[in-house]
């Protein structure tokens, strides 16, 4: 049980570090399009996640990861919308429906 707990803790900390790295890049790319409230929530969630990573309490770390994911969801939505817009650039409504001439 101790080995499982230690392994899970390492996995969650690795995930948290990865999520924070991706968020830093995303903030550099599209952070200016967030509201002040959204940026504040991301900052608070980041601080909570860093604090949880310093400890060894799995449930606390999992809740912090979940909170971070919720706080960064608006940023992810902005980035996904950009991807969709680029993918659909130059497409007509007819071609998207499959009845292009």
Protein backbone atom coordinates (compact mmCIF):
# COMPACT_ATOMS: atom_id res chain seq x y z
CA UNK A 1 0.00 0.00 0.00
CA UNK A 2 2.86 2.37 0.79
CA UNK A 3 4.48 1.71 -2.59
CA UNK A 4 1.18 2.37 -4.36
CA UNK A 5 0.68 5.61 -2.44
CA UNK A 6 4.21 6.77 -3.19
CA UNK A 7 3.84 5.92 -6.88
CA UNK A 8 0.48 7.70 -7.11
CA UNK A 9 1.91 10.76 -5.38
CA UNK A 10 4.78 10.89 -7.87
CA UNK A 11 2.37 10.49 -10.80
CA UNK A 12 0.12 13.28 -9.55
CA UNK A 13 3.04 15.61 -8.94
CA UNK A 14 4.34 14.92 -12.46
CA UNK A 15 0.89 15.65 -13.88
CA UNK A 16 0.66 18.86 -11.89
CA UNK A 17 4.06 20.02 -13.13
CA UNK A 18 3.12 19.21 -16.72
CA UNK A 19 -0.23 20.97 -16.41
CA UNK A 20 1.44 24.08 -15.01
CA UNK A 21 4.05 24.11 -17.82
CA UNK A 22 1.32 23.84 -20.47
CA UNK A 23 -0.67 26.56 -18.76
CA UNK A 24 2.32 28.91 -18.69
CA UNK A 25 2.74 28.46 -22.45
CA UNK A 26 -0.98 28.91 -23.03
CA UNK A 27 -1.06 32.05 -20.91
CA UNK A 28 1.79 33.50 -22.97
CA UNK A 29 -0.17 32.70 -26.13
CA UNK A 30 -3.70 33.71 -25.16
CA UNK A 31 -3.71 34.97 -21.58
CA UNK A 32 -4.54 38.51 -22.64
CA UNK A 33 -7.91 37.23 -23.88
CA UNK A 34 -8.94 36.10 -20.39
CA UNK A 35 -10.87 38.30 -18.02
CA UNK A 36 -9.13 39.69 -14.97
CA UNK A 37 -11.23 37.32 -12.84
CA UNK A 38 -10.14 34.32 -14.89
CA UNK A 39 -6.48 35.30 -14.59
CA UNK A 40 -6.89 35.75 -10.84
CA UNK A 41 -8.55 32.34 -10.51
CA UNK A 42 -5.72 30.71 -12.44
CA UNK A 43 -3.19 32.43 -10.19
CA UNK A 44 -4.97 31.26 -7.04
CA UNK A 45 -5.33 27.72 -8.37
CA UNK A 46 -1.64 27.67 -9.30
CA UNK A 47 -0.66 28.75 -5.78
CA UNK A 48 -2.92 26.06 -4.27
CA UNK A 49 -1.47 23.45 -6.58
CA UNK A 50 2.12 24.41 -5.71
CA UNK A 51 1.27 24.20 -2.00
CA UNK A 52 -0.36 20.78 -2.44
CA UNK A 53 2.67 19.54 -4.40
CA UNK A 54 4.89 20.41 -1.44
CA UNK A 55 2.96 17.97 0.73
CA UNK A 56 2.24 14.26 0.64
CA UNK A 57 -1.56 14.22 1.00
CA UNK A 58 -3.00 12.49 -2.09
CA UNK A 59 -6.59 13.74 -1.71
CA UNK A 60 -5.38 17.32 -1.20
CA UNK A 61 -3.18 17.09 -4.29
CA UNK A 62 -5.98 15.58 -6.38
CA UNK A 63 -8.39 18.35 -5.31
CA UNK A 64 -5.77 20.96 -6.19
CA UNK A 65 -5.26 19.40 -9.63
CA UNK A 66 -9.02 19.35 -10.17
CA UNK A 67 -9.31 22.97 -9.05
CA UNK A 68 -6.47 23.96 -11.36
CA UNK A 69 -8.18 22.21 -14.27
CA UNK A 70 -11.44 24.03 -13.56
CA UNK A 71 -9.68 27.39 -13.30
CA UNK A 72 -7.78 26.89 -16.55
CA UNK A 73 -10.82 25.67 -18.49
CA UNK A 74 -11.58 29.13 -19.98
CA UNK A 75 -8.01 29.28 -21.29
CA UNK A 76 -8.32 25.81 -22.81
CA UNK A 77 -11.58 26.84 -24.44
CA UNK A 78 -9.95 29.88 -26.05
CA UNK A 79 -7.11 27.75 -27.42
CA UNK A 80 -9.45 25.05 -28.72
CA UNK A 81 -11.61 27.65 -30.45
CA UNK A 82 -8.50 28.98 -32.19
CA UNK A 83 -7.64 25.49 -33.41
CA UNK A 84 -11.16 24.96 -34.73
CA UNK A 85 -11.17 28.34 -36.49
CA UNK A 86 -7.84 27.57 -38.17
CA UNK A 87 -9.07 24.13 -39.17
CA UNK A 88 -12.22 25.55 -40.70
CA UNK A 89 -10.59 28.53 -42.39
CA UNK A 90 -11.62 28.63 -46.01
CA UNK A 91 -14.37 26.07 -45.57
CA UNK A 92 -17.86 26.97 -46.65
CA UNK A 93 -21.01 25.99 -44.81
CA UNK A 94 -21.90 23.73 -47.73
CA UNK A 95 -18.60 21.89 -47.62
CA UNK A 96 -18.97 21.37 -43.89
CA UNK A 97 -22.41 19.84 -44.41
CA UNK A 98 -21.00 17.61 -47.13
CA UNK A 99 -23.05 19.05 -50.00
CA UNK A 100 -20.36 21.15 -51.64
CA UNK A 101 -20.61 21.48 -55.40
